PDB file of N, CA and C in Angstrom:
ATOM      1  N   UNK A   1     -10.978   5.446  -3.743  1.00  0.00           N
ATOM      2  CA  UNK A   1     -10.554   5.290  -5.110  1.00  0.00           C
ATOM      3  C   UNK A   1      -9.098   5.695  -5.278  1.00  0.00           C
ATOM      4  N   UNK A   2      -8.688   6.729  -4.599  1.00  0.00           N
ATOM      5  CA  UNK A   2      -7.316   7.193  -4.710  1.00  0.00           C
ATOM      6  C   UNK A   2      -6.302   6.141  -4.298  1.00  0.00           C
ATOM      7  N   UNK A   3      -6.645   5.382  -3.247  1.00  0.00           N
ATOM      8  CA  UNK A   3      -5.741   4.326  -2.788  1.00  0.00           C
ATOM      9  C   UNK A   3      -5.597   3.231  -3.839  1.00  0.00           C
ATOM     10  N   UNK A   4      -6.709   2.890  -4.489  1.00  0.00           N
ATOM     11  CA  UNK A   4      -6.671   1.836  -5.510  1.00  0.00           C
ATOM     12  C   UNK A   4      -5.837   2.264  -6.711  1.00  0.00           C
ATOM     13  N   UNK A   5      -6.009   3.509  -7.126  1.00  0.00           N
ATOM     14  CA  UNK A   5      -5.244   4.010  -8.275  1.00  0.00           C
ATOM     15  C   UNK A   5      -3.763   4.048  -7.936  1.00  0.00           C
ATOM     16  N   UNK A   6      -3.449   4.488  -6.722  1.00  0.00           N
ATOM     17  CA  UNK A   6      -2.055   4.546  -6.297  1.00  0.00           C
ATOM     18  C   UNK A   6      -1.438   3.145  -6.253  1.00  0.00           C
ATOM     19  N   UNK A   7      -2.181   2.188  -5.710  1.00  0.00           N
ATOM     20  CA  UNK A   7      -1.684   0.807  -5.646  1.00  0.00           C
ATOM     21  C   UNK A   7      -1.468   0.237  -7.046  1.00  0.00           C
ATOM     22  N   UNK A   8      -2.382   0.528  -7.943  1.00  0.00           N
ATOM     23  CA  UNK A   8      -2.244   0.055  -9.319  1.00  0.00           C
ATOM     24  C   UNK A   8      -0.996   0.650  -9.971  1.00  0.00           C
ATOM     25  N   UNK A   9      -0.762   1.934  -9.741  1.00  0.00           N
ATOM     26  CA  UNK A   9       0.410   2.594 -10.322  1.00  0.00           C
ATOM     27  C   UNK A   9       1.704   2.024  -9.743  1.00  0.00           C
ATOM     28  N   UNK A  10       1.655   1.606  -8.473  1.00  0.00           N
ATOM     29  CA  UNK A  10       2.854   1.015  -7.873  1.00  0.00           C
ATOM     30  C   UNK A  10       3.174  -0.338  -8.496  1.00  0.00           C
ATOM     31  N   UNK A  11       2.143  -1.091  -8.876  1.00  0.00           N
ATOM     32  CA  UNK A  11       2.388  -2.392  -9.496  1.00  0.00           C
ATOM     33  C   UNK A  11       2.722  -2.267 -10.978  1.00  0.00           C
ATOM     34  N   UNK A  12       2.255  -1.187 -11.595  1.00  0.00           N
ATOM     35  CA  UNK A  12       2.505  -0.973 -13.030  1.00  0.00           C
ATOM     36  C   UNK A  12       2.958   0.476 -13.230  1.00  0.00           C
ATOM     37  N   UNK A  13       4.267   0.739 -13.178  1.00  0.00           N
ATOM     38  CA  UNK A  13       4.785   2.104 -13.266  1.00  0.00           C
ATOM     39  C   UNK A  13       4.328   2.886 -14.497  1.00  0.00           C
ATOM     40  N   UNK A  14       4.001   2.204 -15.572  1.00  0.00           N
ATOM     41  CA  UNK A  14       3.544   2.906 -16.776  1.00  0.00           C
ATOM     42  C   UNK A  14       2.225   3.634 -16.540  1.00  0.00           C
ATOM     43  N   UNK A  15       1.494   3.231 -15.510  1.00  0.00           N
ATOM     44  CA  UNK A  15       0.207   3.866 -15.204  1.00  0.00           C
ATOM     45  C   UNK A  15       0.340   5.076 -14.278  1.00  0.00           C
ATOM     46  N   UNK A  16       1.552   5.413 -13.870  1.00  0.00           N
ATOM     47  CA  UNK A  16       1.743   6.526 -12.939  1.00  0.00           C
ATOM     48  C   UNK A  16       1.165   7.845 -13.459  1.00  0.00           C
ATOM     49  N   UNK A  17       1.364   8.215 -14.733  1.00  0.00           N
ATOM     50  CA  UNK A  17       0.752   9.465 -15.214  1.00  0.00           C
ATOM     51  C   UNK A  17      -0.775   9.447 -15.085  1.00  0.00           C
ATOM     52  N   UNK A  18      -1.380   8.300 -15.360  1.00  0.00           N
ATOM     53  CA  UNK A  18      -2.830   8.164 -15.212  1.00  0.00           C
ATOM     54  C   UNK A  18      -3.231   8.334 -13.750  1.00  0.00           C
ATOM     55  N   UNK A  19      -2.494   7.701 -12.851  1.00  0.00           N
ATOM     56  CA  UNK A  19      -2.791   7.802 -11.422  1.00  0.00           C
ATOM     57  C   UNK A  19      -2.668   9.245 -10.939  1.00  0.00           C
ATOM     58  N   UNK A  20      -1.647   9.937 -11.406  1.00  0.00           N
ATOM     59  CA  UNK A  20      -1.470  11.342 -11.025  1.00  0.00           C
ATOM     60  C   UNK A  20      -2.648  12.189 -11.496  1.00  0.00           C
ATOM     61  N   UNK A  21      -3.101  11.930 -12.705  1.00  0.00           N
ATOM     62  CA  UNK A  21      -4.227  12.696 -13.272  1.00  0.00           C
ATOM     63  C   UNK A  21      -5.521  12.419 -12.504  1.00  0.00           C
ATOM     64  N   UNK A  22      -5.767  11.162 -12.186  1.00  0.00           N
ATOM     65  CA  UNK A  22      -6.969  10.808 -11.423  1.00  0.00           C
ATOM     66  C   UNK A  22      -6.938  11.477 -10.050  1.00  0.00           C
ATOM     67  N   UNK A  23      -5.778  11.468  -9.416  1.00  0.00           N
ATOM     68  CA  UNK A  23      -5.654  12.091  -8.098  1.00  0.00           C
ATOM     69  C   UNK A  23      -5.895  13.602  -8.185  1.00  0.00           C
ATOM     70  N   UNK A  24      -5.364  14.253  -9.209  1.00  0.00           N
ATOM     71  CA  UNK A  24      -5.574  15.695  -9.385  1.00  0.00           C
ATOM     72  C   UNK A  24      -7.048  16.006  -9.632  1.00  0.00           C
ATOM     73  N   UNK A  25      -7.705  15.197 -10.447  1.00  0.00           N
ATOM     74  CA  UNK A  25      -9.134  15.407 -10.703  1.00  0.00           C
ATOM     75  C   UNK A  25      -9.959  15.206  -9.438  1.00  0.00           C
ATOM     76  N   UNK A  26      -9.621  14.196  -8.657  1.00  0.00           N
ATOM     77  CA  UNK A  26     -10.340  13.944  -7.405  1.00  0.00           C
ATOM     78  C   UNK A  26     -10.177  15.118  -6.449  1.00  0.00           C
ATOM     79  N   UNK A  27      -8.983  15.676  -6.379  1.00  0.00           N
ATOM     80  CA  UNK A  27      -8.734  16.822  -5.498  1.00  0.00           C
ATOM     81  C   UNK A  27      -9.554  18.028  -5.942  1.00  0.00           C
ATOM     82  N   UNK A  28      -9.597  18.298  -7.236  1.00  0.00           N
ATOM     83  CA  UNK A  28     -10.387  19.422  -7.748  1.00  0.00           C
ATOM     84  C   UNK A  28     -11.865  19.224  -7.459  1.00  0.00           C
ATOM     85  N   UNK A  29     -12.344  17.984  -7.603  1.00  0.00           N
ATOM     86  CA  UNK A  29     -13.745  17.690  -7.331  1.00  0.00           C
ATOM     87  C   UNK A  29     -14.060  17.944  -5.866  1.00  0.00           C
ATOM     88  N   UNK A  30     -13.191  17.499  -4.960  1.00  0.00           N
ATOM     89  CA  UNK A  30     -13.401  17.722  -3.530  1.00  0.00           C
ATOM     90  C   UNK A  30     -13.431  19.213  -3.221  1.00  0.00           C
ATOM     91  N   UNK A  31     -12.509  19.969  -3.788  1.00  0.00           N
ATOM     92  CA  UNK A  31     -12.467  21.408  -3.544  1.00  0.00           C
ATOM     93  C   UNK A  31     -13.746  22.071  -4.032  1.00  0.00           C
ATOM     94  N   UNK A  32     -14.218  21.690  -5.212  1.00  0.00           N
ATOM     95  CA  UNK A  32     -15.436  22.273  -5.767  1.00  0.00           C
ATOM     96  C   UNK A  32     -16.642  21.929  -4.894  1.00  0.00           C
ATOM     97  N   UNK A  33     -16.705  20.697  -4.407  1.00  0.00           N
ATOM     98  CA  UNK A  33     -17.814  20.287  -3.549  1.00  0.00           C
ATOM     99  C   UNK A  33     -17.803  21.061  -2.235  1.00  0.00           C
ATOM    100  N   UNK A  34     -16.627  21.296  -1.675  1.00  0.00           N
ATOM    101  CA  UNK A  34     -16.538  22.076  -0.439  1.00  0.00           C
ATOM    102  C   UNK A  34     -16.985  23.514  -0.662  1.00  0.00           C
ATOM    103  N   UNK A  35     -16.580  24.103  -1.775  1.00  0.00           N
ATOM    104  CA  UNK A  35     -16.993  25.473  -2.087  1.00  0.00           C
ATOM    105  C   UNK A  35     -18.504  25.541  -2.235  1.00  0.00           C
ATOM    106  N   UNK A  36     -19.087  24.564  -2.923  1.00  0.00           N
ATOM    107  CA  UNK A  36     -20.539  24.521  -3.094  1.00  0.00           C
ATOM    108  C   UNK A  36     -21.233  24.377  -1.747  1.00  0.00           C
ATOM    109  N   UNK A  37     -20.713  23.526  -0.887  1.00  0.00           N
ATOM    110  CA  UNK A  37     -21.295  23.330   0.441  1.00  0.00           C
ATOM    111  C   UNK A  37     -21.263  24.624   1.244  1.00  0.00           C
ATOM    112  N   UNK A  38     -20.125  25.296   1.271  1.00  0.00           N
ATOM    113  CA  UNK A  38     -20.018  26.542   2.022  1.00  0.00           C
ATOM    114  C   UNK A  38     -20.908  27.631   1.430  1.00  0.00           C
ATOM    115  N   UNK A  39     -20.992  27.703   0.115  1.00  0.00           N
ATOM    116  CA  UNK A  39     -21.852  28.698  -0.529  1.00  0.00           C
ATOM    117  C   UNK A  39     -23.309  28.454  -0.159  1.00  0.00           C
ATOM    118  N   UNK A  40     -23.729  27.203  -0.154  1.00  0.00           N
ATOM    119  CA  UNK A  40     -25.105  26.872   0.230  1.00  0.00           C
ATOM    120  C   UNK A  40     -25.367  27.252   1.676  1.00  0.00           C
ATOM    121  N   UNK A  41     -24.407  26.990   2.537  1.00  0.00           N
ATOM    122  CA  UNK A  41     -24.553  27.335   3.952  1.00  0.00           C
ATOM    123  C   UNK A  41     -24.673  28.843   4.130  1.00  0.00           C
ATOM    124  N   UNK A  42     -23.824  29.593   3.444  1.00  0.00           N
ATOM    125  CA  UNK A  42     -23.859  31.056   3.552  1.00  0.00           C
ATOM    126  C   UNK A  42     -25.189  31.593   3.048  1.00  0.00           C
ATOM    127  N   UNK A  43     -25.663  31.070   1.927  1.00  0.00           N
ATOM    128  CA  UNK A  43     -26.952  31.506   1.390  1.00  0.00           C
ATOM    129  C   UNK A  43     -28.086  31.202   2.362  1.00  0.00           C
ATOM    130  N   UNK A  44     -28.043  30.060   3.017  1.00  0.00           N
ATOM    131  CA  UNK A  44     -29.121  29.693   3.939  1.00  0.00           C
ATOM    132  C   UNK A  44     -29.096  30.555   5.194  1.00  0.00           C
ATOM    133  N   UNK A  45     -27.930  31.022   5.612  1.00  0.00           N
ATOM    134  CA  UNK A  45     -27.860  31.864   6.806  1.00  0.00           C
ATOM    135  C   UNK A  45     -28.195  33.315   6.491  1.00  0.00           C
ATOM    136  N   UNK A  46     -28.100  33.707   5.227  1.00  0.00           N
ATOM    137  CA  UNK A  46     -28.423  35.079   4.832  1.00  0.00           C
ATOM    138  C   UNK A  46     -29.925  35.317   4.767  1.00  0.00           C
ATOM    139  N   UNK A  47     -30.706  34.259   4.668  1.00  0.00           N
ATOM    140  CA  UNK A  47     -32.156  34.425   4.489  1.00  0.00           C
ATOM    141  C   UNK A  47     -32.871  34.627   5.777  1.00  0.00           C
TER     142      UNK A  47
END
C-alpha cells in the first residue's frame, strides 16, 4: 500500500501530505503489531 500511495503522490503533488500521513500511520501500525507479537511471545515463555 505504501508504494501505491507514494506513486500517487508523485503523479499528483497535492496529495503528498495525504501520502505522508498514510505512511506515518502504517509505520505506527507496524510498530504496534511488533510490540504485540513480542509481548505475546514473552507471555507464552513465562508460563
